[in-house]
Amino acid sequence: MITVELPDKSPVDWDDWHTPLRQFTEATGLVTSAYDTTGTRRIGPLASSPLARLLRERSSLWAGDGPGTALERTLVDTVCAQGTPASGQFEGFRVCAQPLLLHGEVYGVLVFGWRFADFSSPLACERIARQVGLAGHLLWNEARLDAPVSDQRMATYAALLHTLSSTLDRQREAIDDLTRVNRTRELFLATVSHEMRTPLSALSMRIELMLRTIPDLPEKAVSGLESMRVHVRQEAAMVDDLIDAARTLTGQMSIERAPIVLGQVLRDAISTVETHAHAKQVRMLVTPSDHGDAIRFEADGRRLQQVVWNLLFNAVKFTPAGGVIRMTIRRLDGTVGIDIADSGQGIEADDLPHVFGAFRLQQHNNATGLGLGLYIARRIVELHGGTLSVSSAGRGQGATFAIRLPLAAP
């Protein structure tokens, strides 16, 4: 059984909160701050009104040991402990706090307010000013011009901020879930690659060892071992196809460009299916005879070989004994064209649009595999900035697969 360990949630990026909190502050005139669960202020205090800016810039209200900071930290502790909003007052200033939740857990607290519920007085301003190291008359000059905020309006502001924070937190949850899924998928693919490829490789090596080192094996034993070797290779190929398909579906498949000689890539691909073609008495004709040695460009040679091998393997599989497969290579306008045409069973017109779909299997001539080869092949060609298409005149008329690759990387 394959087990997958889920990674931890991604850390909080407090920079994401700067813009929405500043916009909220400017729209409401409130003072806004954001704290983490340790009581550390991460953002703020953000201020937009003249009174709030005076207190922030010329008083000790929100200093590290200021009374405003002390009140806010008390509210933060309460919210973190209870998971619900809290409120408090400082000399007529109302202050509220709301939790920030991710997957139901508190990861921070928004503190907002610092507005009077009614008009202050010179005596009240003197009392507040002495506590924060500010001249009383300066505070009164701004406080008497600062419009009070009613309970109803404060509740509206609180609801607005709750909606804002909930929306952003749901977005963060979605991103966190996607990140976890991506990491889980990567771990799963790595585990599948190891847990399935390793025993297959060991089994293949033992079969080869037995065939090469044990003399005078009975004919039936040799036949059985050779059959096992074929099946092991098929299983290994299906594992590779599953991994490639998963990477394709999730956009993880990539290519590594390097200078290549097209002729060498095509010869390597042909060599992997020649034995199968000869055994089936299927002729393979290549035009021009140099296989395109004069065509050089930057591409992922290994992946292109995989594409051509897949197309040739399918052509041999669906071409009857005595048939012909023709590969034609030619330069086009800024591109190279590789056409692989067979004289096989062909494809019905209704099936042509679905040939490159995932898990699509031909239902004739004892089709095997998972039906992923053409799906993966088209994606590899597209990653090179090219196209892979198919045409057929119908049942029994053969099929032609056309690869078009740009000679210059897009």
Protein backbone atom coordinates (compact mmCIF):
# COMPACT_ATOMS: atom_id res chain seq x y z
CA MET A 1 0.00 0.00 0.00
CA ILE A 2 1.25 3.49 -0.86
CA THR A 3 0.92 6.01 1.96
CA VAL A 4 1.15 9.75 1.47
CA GLU A 5 2.05 12.16 4.25
CA LEU A 6 0.24 15.46 3.89
CA PRO A 7 2.45 18.57 4.24
CA ASP A 8 1.78 21.35 6.73
CA LYS A 9 -0.25 24.40 5.79
CA SER A 10 1.64 27.14 4.04
CA PRO A 11 2.83 30.07 6.20
CA VAL A 12 0.83 33.29 6.34
CA ASP A 13 1.93 36.01 3.94
CA TRP A 14 0.98 39.18 5.81
CA ASP A 15 1.89 41.32 2.79
CA ASP A 16 -1.38 40.15 1.23
CA TRP A 17 -3.28 42.04 3.91
CA HIS A 18 -1.65 45.46 3.47
CA THR A 19 -3.71 46.70 0.54
CA PRO A 20 -7.20 45.57 1.70
CA LEU A 21 -6.63 46.87 5.25
CA ARG A 22 -5.37 50.22 3.98
CA GLN A 23 -8.42 50.52 1.73
CA PHE A 24 -10.70 49.66 4.65
CA THR A 25 -8.93 52.23 6.84
CA GLU A 26 -9.27 55.00 4.27
CA ALA A 27 -12.93 54.19 3.61
CA THR A 28 -14.00 54.12 7.27
CA GLY A 29 -11.58 56.47 9.03
CA LEU A 30 -10.87 53.77 11.62
CA VAL A 31 -7.42 52.75 12.85
CA THR A 32 -6.59 49.19 11.79
CA SER A 33 -3.90 46.70 12.80
CA ALA A 34 -3.20 43.02 12.19
CA TYR A 35 -1.64 40.71 14.80
CA ASP A 36 -0.40 37.14 14.69
CA THR A 37 -1.28 34.66 17.43
CA THR A 38 1.83 35.52 19.44
CA GLY A 39 0.59 39.08 19.93
CA THR A 40 3.06 40.58 17.45
CA ARG A 41 1.68 43.44 15.39
CA ARG A 42 2.29 42.54 11.74
CA ILE A 43 0.51 45.47 10.11
CA GLY A 44 -0.35 48.90 11.42
CA PRO A 45 -1.49 50.86 13.07
CA LEU A 46 -2.94 52.16 9.77
CA ALA A 47 -4.48 55.61 10.13
CA SER A 48 -6.24 57.98 7.73
CA SER A 49 -8.04 60.61 9.84
CA PRO A 50 -6.14 63.66 11.17
CA LEU A 51 -6.82 62.60 14.78
CA ALA A 52 -5.53 59.06 14.19
CA ARG A 53 -2.42 60.31 12.39
CA LEU A 54 -1.68 62.74 15.24
CA LEU A 55 -1.89 59.93 17.79
CA ARG A 56 0.23 57.59 15.69
CA GLU A 57 2.97 60.08 14.80
CA ARG A 58 3.27 62.25 17.94
CA SER A 59 2.05 60.15 20.87
CA SER A 60 3.09 56.96 22.61
CA LEU A 61 -0.39 55.40 22.34
CA TRP A 62 0.78 52.58 20.04
CA ALA A 63 4.39 52.41 21.19
CA GLY A 64 5.72 49.04 22.30
CA ASP A 65 4.77 49.79 25.91
CA GLY A 66 1.96 52.22 25.14
CA PRO A 67 -1.54 51.85 26.57
CA GLY A 68 -3.06 51.38 23.12
CA THR A 69 -0.72 48.50 22.35
CA ALA A 70 -1.47 46.95 25.73
CA LEU A 71 -5.22 47.08 25.09
CA GLU A 72 -4.88 45.63 21.61
CA ARG A 73 -2.73 42.75 22.84
CA THR A 74 -5.27 41.98 25.55
CA LEU A 75 -7.99 41.79 22.90
CA VAL A 76 -5.77 39.61 20.72
CA ASP A 77 -5.22 37.15 23.59
CA THR A 78 -8.97 37.01 24.21
CA VAL A 79 -9.81 36.38 20.56
CA CYS A 80 -7.13 33.70 20.20
CA ALA A 81 -8.35 31.92 23.33
CA GLN A 82 -12.07 32.07 22.48
CA GLY A 83 -12.02 32.21 18.68
CA THR A 84 -14.70 34.91 18.70
CA PRO A 85 -14.72 38.73 18.35
CA ALA A 86 -13.93 40.92 21.37
CA SER A 87 -14.10 44.63 22.17
CA GLY A 88 -12.77 47.12 24.72
CA GLN A 89 -12.42 50.83 25.50
CA PHE A 90 -9.68 53.30 26.31
CA GLU A 91 -10.84 56.65 27.66
CA GLY A 92 -13.86 56.79 25.35
CA PHE A 93 -12.13 55.24 22.33
CA ARG A 94 -13.87 52.05 21.18
CA VAL A 95 -11.68 49.19 19.96
CA CYS A 96 -12.84 45.91 18.38
CA ALA A 97 -11.05 42.71 17.38
CA GLN A 98 -11.96 39.89 14.97
CA PRO A 99 -10.28 36.52 14.41
CA LEU A 100 -8.65 35.50 11.15
CA LEU A 101 -9.45 31.87 10.45
CA LEU A 102 -7.81 29.33 8.16
CA HIS A 103 -9.36 25.87 8.04
CA GLY A 104 -11.23 26.72 11.24
CA GLU A 105 -8.11 27.71 13.20
CA VAL A 106 -7.19 31.22 14.34
CA TYR A 107 -3.99 32.38 12.67
CA GLY A 108 -4.29 36.11 13.40
CA VAL A 109 -6.46 38.94 14.69
CA LEU A 110 -7.64 42.21 13.14
CA VAL A 111 -7.93 45.11 15.58
CA PHE A 112 -9.86 48.20 14.50
CA GLY A 113 -11.65 51.25 15.87
CA TRP A 114 -10.10 54.02 17.98
CA ARG A 115 -13.02 56.36 17.37
CA PHE A 116 -15.17 58.20 19.94
CA ALA A 117 -18.82 57.26 20.35
CA ASP A 118 -19.69 60.90 21.07
CA PHE A 119 -17.97 64.31 21.15
CA SER A 120 -15.10 64.44 23.59
CA SER A 121 -14.34 67.37 25.89
CA PRO A 122 -11.22 69.44 26.58
CA LEU A 123 -10.89 67.84 30.03
CA ALA A 124 -11.13 64.33 28.54
CA CYS A 125 -8.53 65.21 25.93
CA GLU A 126 -6.22 66.55 28.65
CA ARG A 127 -6.56 63.28 30.56
CA ILE A 128 -5.84 61.18 27.47
CA ALA A 129 -2.96 63.43 26.38
CA ARG A 130 -1.17 63.02 29.71
CA GLN A 131 -1.23 59.23 29.33
CA VAL A 132 0.24 59.26 25.84
CA GLY A 133 2.73 62.13 26.16
CA LEU A 134 0.88 64.64 24.01
CA ALA A 135 -0.15 68.24 24.52
CA GLY A 136 -3.83 68.42 25.51
CA HIS A 137 -4.71 71.34 23.28
CA LEU A 138 -3.29 69.56 20.21
CA LEU A 139 -5.45 66.52 20.88
CA TRP A 140 -8.55 68.66 21.49
CA ASN A 141 -8.03 70.60 18.26
CA GLU A 142 -8.32 67.38 16.28
CA ALA A 143 -10.81 65.52 18.48
CA ARG A 144 -13.47 68.27 18.28
CA LEU A 145 -13.37 68.01 14.46
CA ASP A 146 -13.51 64.20 14.40
CA ALA A 147 -17.09 63.02 13.80
CA PRO A 148 -18.24 60.45 16.38
CA VAL A 149 -19.18 56.95 15.22
CA SER A 150 -22.53 55.55 16.39
CA ASP A 151 -23.00 51.99 17.60
CA GLN A 152 -24.96 51.17 14.45
CA ARG A 153 -22.24 52.47 12.16
CA MET A 154 -19.54 50.67 14.12
CA ALA A 155 -21.50 47.41 13.73
CA THR A 156 -21.70 48.09 9.97
CA TYR A 157 -17.95 48.62 9.80
CA ALA A 158 -17.38 45.40 11.76
CA ALA A 159 -19.62 43.44 9.39
CA LEU A 160 -17.82 44.93 6.39
CA LEU A 161 -14.42 43.96 7.74
CA HIS A 162 -15.70 40.48 8.59
CA THR A 163 -16.89 40.02 5.00
CA LEU A 164 -13.56 41.28 3.67
CA SER A 165 -11.50 39.03 5.91
CA SER A 166 -13.70 35.99 5.27
CA THR A 167 -13.36 36.42 1.52
CA LEU A 168 -9.59 36.71 1.69
CA ASP A 169 -9.33 33.79 4.10
CA ARG A 170 -11.43 31.58 1.79
CA GLN A 171 -9.06 32.49 -1.03
CA ARG A 172 -6.11 31.61 1.18
CA GLU A 173 -7.77 28.29 2.07
CA ALA A 174 -8.22 27.52 -1.62
CA ILE A 175 -4.59 28.37 -2.35
CA ASP A 176 -3.46 26.37 0.67
CA ASP A 177 -5.53 23.38 -0.48
CA LEU A 178 -4.11 23.62 -4.01
CA THR A 179 -0.58 23.80 -2.63
CA ARG A 180 -1.19 20.77 -0.45
CA VAL A 181 -2.71 18.85 -3.36
CA ASN A 182 0.26 19.74 -5.57
CA ARG A 183 2.75 18.60 -2.96
CA THR A 184 0.75 15.44 -2.28
CA ARG A 185 0.62 14.68 -5.99
CA GLU A 186 4.37 15.18 -6.35
CA LEU A 187 4.98 12.88 -3.38
CA PHE A 188 2.54 10.34 -4.80
CA LEU A 189 4.23 10.34 -8.20
CA ALA A 190 7.64 9.94 -6.60
CA THR A 191 6.32 7.08 -4.46
CA VAL A 192 4.65 5.38 -7.41
CA SER A 193 7.84 5.72 -9.41
CA HIS A 194 9.88 4.09 -6.66
CA GLU A 195 7.44 1.49 -5.35
CA MET A 196 6.39 0.22 -8.81
CA ARG A 197 9.50 0.71 -10.91
CA THR A 198 11.93 -0.85 -8.42
CA PRO A 199 10.37 -4.34 -8.24
CA LEU A 200 9.78 -4.34 -12.00
CA SER A 201 13.44 -3.49 -12.61
CA ALA A 202 14.55 -6.22 -10.20
CA LEU A 203 12.26 -8.77 -11.87
CA SER A 204 13.46 -7.80 -15.34
CA MET A 205 17.11 -8.15 -14.27
CA ARG A 206 16.52 -11.61 -12.78
CA ILE A 207 14.74 -12.82 -15.93
CA GLU A 208 17.61 -11.60 -18.12
CA LEU A 209 20.12 -13.21 -15.76
CA MET A 210 18.34 -16.55 -15.92
CA LEU A 211 18.09 -16.48 -19.70
CA ARG A 212 21.78 -15.65 -20.13
CA THR A 213 23.46 -17.67 -17.37
CA ILE A 214 21.48 -20.88 -16.90
CA PRO A 215 22.48 -23.39 -19.61
CA ASP A 216 20.26 -26.06 -21.10
CA LEU A 217 16.97 -24.59 -19.91
CA PRO A 218 13.98 -26.55 -21.18
CA GLU A 219 12.31 -25.00 -24.20
CA LYS A 220 9.12 -24.37 -22.25
CA ALA A 221 11.07 -22.60 -19.50
CA VAL A 222 12.82 -20.35 -22.02
CA SER A 223 9.48 -19.58 -23.68
CA GLY A 224 7.93 -18.77 -20.31
CA LEU A 225 10.80 -16.50 -19.29
CA GLU A 226 10.71 -14.66 -22.60
CA SER A 227 6.97 -14.16 -22.22
CA MET A 228 7.53 -12.84 -18.68
CA ARG A 229 10.18 -10.45 -20.03
CA VAL A 230 7.68 -9.01 -22.51
CA HIS A 231 5.00 -8.57 -19.85
CA VAL A 232 7.42 -6.90 -17.41
CA ARG A 233 8.44 -4.43 -20.10
CA GLN A 234 4.79 -3.72 -20.84
CA GLU A 235 4.08 -3.09 -17.16
CA ALA A 236 7.09 -0.78 -16.86
CA ALA A 237 5.94 1.14 -19.93
CA MET A 238 2.45 1.54 -18.44
CA VAL A 239 3.91 2.87 -15.19
CA ASP A 240 5.93 5.42 -17.17
CA ASP A 241 2.81 6.39 -19.13
CA LEU A 242 0.79 6.87 -15.94
CA ILE A 243 3.44 9.13 -14.46
CA ASP A 244 3.81 11.13 -17.67
CA ALA A 245 0.03 11.43 -18.02
CA ALA A 246 -0.31 12.69 -14.45
CA ARG A 247 2.37 15.29 -15.06
CA THR A 248 0.66 16.29 -18.30
CA LEU A 249 -2.77 16.62 -16.73
CA THR A 250 -1.39 18.85 -13.97
CA GLY A 251 0.93 20.92 -16.13
CA GLN A 252 4.08 19.51 -14.54
CA MET A 253 5.56 17.95 -17.65
CA SER A 254 8.48 19.96 -18.99
CA ILE A 255 11.15 19.68 -21.66
CA GLU A 256 14.87 20.39 -21.58
CA ARG A 257 16.11 21.92 -24.82
CA ALA A 258 19.56 21.19 -26.18
CA PRO A 259 21.11 21.15 -29.68
CA ILE A 260 20.04 17.97 -31.50
CA VAL A 261 20.56 16.29 -34.86
CA LEU A 262 17.12 15.19 -35.99
CA GLY A 263 18.48 12.20 -37.93
CA GLN A 264 20.02 10.69 -34.80
CA VAL A 265 16.80 11.14 -32.80
CA LEU A 266 14.78 9.40 -35.53
CA ARG A 267 17.28 6.54 -35.92
CA ASP A 268 17.17 5.88 -32.17
CA ALA A 269 13.37 5.81 -32.24
CA ILE A 270 13.28 3.50 -35.28
CA SER A 271 15.79 1.09 -33.73
CA THR A 272 13.43 0.41 -30.81
CA VAL A 273 10.66 -0.92 -33.08
CA GLU A 274 12.64 -2.46 -35.94
CA THR A 275 12.70 -5.93 -34.40
CA HIS A 276 8.96 -5.89 -33.88
CA ALA A 277 8.37 -4.64 -37.43
CA HIS A 278 10.64 -7.33 -38.95
CA ALA A 279 8.94 -10.06 -36.94
CA LYS A 280 5.61 -8.89 -38.32
CA GLN A 281 7.03 -8.49 -41.85
CA VAL A 282 6.17 -4.79 -41.94
CA ARG A 283 8.50 -2.67 -44.07
CA MET A 284 9.70 0.72 -42.82
CA LEU A 285 10.71 3.26 -45.46
CA VAL A 286 12.35 6.60 -44.56
CA THR A 287 12.64 9.60 -46.88
CA PRO A 288 15.22 11.07 -47.20
CA SER A 289 17.64 8.24 -46.58
CA ASP A 290 19.80 10.33 -44.23
CA HIS A 291 16.82 10.58 -41.83
CA GLY A 292 17.20 14.38 -41.67
CA ASP A 293 20.84 14.61 -40.57
CA ALA A 294 21.06 18.10 -42.06
CA ILE A 295 18.28 19.37 -39.77
CA ARG A 296 19.63 20.68 -36.47
CA PHE A 297 17.78 22.71 -33.86
CA GLU A 298 17.24 22.93 -30.10
CA ALA A 299 14.77 20.46 -28.61
CA ASP A 300 14.42 17.73 -26.00
CA GLY A 301 15.85 14.80 -27.94
CA ARG A 302 14.75 12.16 -25.44
CA ARG A 303 11.15 13.39 -25.44
CA LEU A 304 11.01 13.68 -29.24
CA GLN A 305 12.34 10.14 -29.51
CA GLN A 306 9.51 9.09 -27.19
CA VAL A 307 6.96 10.75 -29.51
CA VAL A 308 8.30 9.12 -32.69
CA TRP A 309 8.72 5.74 -31.02
CA ASN A 310 5.10 5.85 -29.85
CA LEU A 311 3.80 6.70 -33.31
CA LEU A 312 5.92 4.00 -34.94
CA PHE A 313 4.93 1.40 -32.36
CA ASN A 314 1.24 2.12 -32.97
CA ALA A 315 1.79 2.01 -36.72
CA VAL A 316 3.40 -1.43 -36.50
CA LYS A 317 0.74 -2.69 -34.10
CA PHE A 318 -2.17 -1.70 -36.35
CA THR A 319 -0.56 -2.59 -39.69
CA PRO A 320 -1.13 -6.16 -40.95
CA ALA A 321 1.72 -8.45 -41.99
CA GLY A 322 3.24 -7.38 -45.27
CA GLY A 323 2.21 -3.75 -44.78
CA VAL A 324 4.31 -0.62 -45.15
CA ILE A 325 5.12 2.32 -42.86
CA ARG A 326 6.53 5.44 -44.50
CA MET A 327 8.31 8.20 -42.61
CA THR A 328 8.85 11.45 -44.51
CA ILE A 329 11.04 14.27 -43.16
CA ARG A 330 11.12 17.68 -44.79
CA ARG A 331 11.77 21.32 -44.06
CA LEU A 332 8.80 23.61 -44.26
CA ASP A 333 8.51 27.37 -43.74
CA GLY A 334 10.47 27.78 -40.51
CA THR A 335 9.42 24.33 -39.32
CA VAL A 336 10.32 20.69 -39.77
CA GLY A 337 7.65 18.19 -40.76
CA ILE A 338 7.72 14.48 -39.84
CA ASP A 339 4.90 12.42 -41.36
CA ILE A 340 4.38 8.78 -40.36
CA ALA A 341 1.93 7.01 -42.64
CA ASP A 342 0.90 3.36 -42.36
CA SER A 343 -1.17 0.96 -44.45
CA GLY A 344 -3.02 -0.35 -41.44
CA GLN A 345 -6.60 -0.53 -40.27
CA GLY A 346 -7.22 3.23 -40.48
CA ILE A 347 -9.49 5.36 -38.31
CA GLU A 348 -13.17 6.09 -38.76
CA ALA A 349 -14.11 9.74 -39.25
CA ASP A 350 -16.14 9.78 -36.01
CA ASP A 351 -13.11 8.57 -34.07
CA LEU A 352 -10.56 11.05 -35.45
CA PRO A 353 -11.41 13.90 -32.99
CA HIS A 354 -10.85 11.55 -30.03
CA VAL A 355 -7.58 9.89 -31.04
CA PHE A 356 -5.46 12.05 -28.70
CA GLY A 357 -7.72 11.75 -25.66
CA ALA A 358 -6.44 10.18 -22.46
CA PHE A 359 -7.23 6.49 -21.91
CA ARG A 360 -8.42 6.04 -25.51
CA LEU A 361 -7.83 2.51 -26.78
CA GLN A 362 -8.28 1.17 -30.30
CA GLN A 363 -10.82 -1.62 -30.11
CA HIS A 364 -9.30 -3.70 -32.93
CA ASN A 365 -6.20 -5.79 -33.53
CA ASN A 366 -5.82 -6.75 -29.87
CA ALA A 367 -5.00 -3.24 -28.65
CA THR A 368 -3.01 -3.16 -25.41
CA GLY A 369 -1.78 -0.55 -22.94
CA LEU A 370 -3.61 2.27 -21.21
CA GLY A 371 -4.39 4.45 -24.20
CA LEU A 372 -2.11 7.24 -22.98
CA GLY A 373 0.67 7.21 -25.57
CA LEU A 374 -0.87 9.56 -28.12
CA TYR A 375 -2.15 11.86 -25.39
CA ILE A 376 1.36 12.21 -23.97
CA ALA A 377 2.93 12.50 -27.43
CA ARG A 378 0.74 15.46 -28.41
CA ARG A 379 1.58 17.25 -25.14
CA ILE A 380 5.32 16.78 -25.71
CA VAL A 381 5.04 18.24 -29.22
CA GLU A 382 2.98 21.17 -27.91
CA LEU A 383 5.63 21.89 -25.26
CA HIS A 384 8.04 22.32 -28.17
CA GLY A 385 5.66 24.86 -29.71
CA GLY A 386 4.58 22.41 -32.41
CA THR A 387 1.51 20.40 -33.41
CA LEU A 388 0.62 16.73 -33.77
CA SER A 389 -2.34 15.84 -35.97
CA VAL A 390 -3.85 12.73 -37.57
CA SER A 391 -5.70 12.01 -40.79
CA SER A 392 -7.24 8.87 -42.28
CA ALA A 393 -9.43 8.02 -45.26
CA GLY A 394 -11.37 5.58 -43.12
CA ARG A 395 -11.46 1.96 -42.08
CA GLY A 396 -8.80 -0.12 -43.85
CA GLN A 397 -7.21 2.94 -45.48
CA GLY A 398 -4.32 3.50 -43.07
CA ALA A 399 -3.55 6.62 -41.05
CA THR A 400 -1.03 9.45 -41.18
CA PHE A 401 0.33 11.26 -38.13
CA ALA A 402 1.90 14.63 -38.85
CA ILE A 403 4.41 16.29 -36.51
CA ARG A 404 5.24 19.96 -37.05
CA LEU A 405 8.06 21.47 -34.98
CA PRO A 406 9.42 25.04 -35.14
CA LEU A 407 13.11 25.18 -35.97
CA ALA A 408 13.49 28.16 -33.62
CA ALA A 409 12.36 27.85 -30.00
CA PRO A 410 9.20 29.93 -29.37
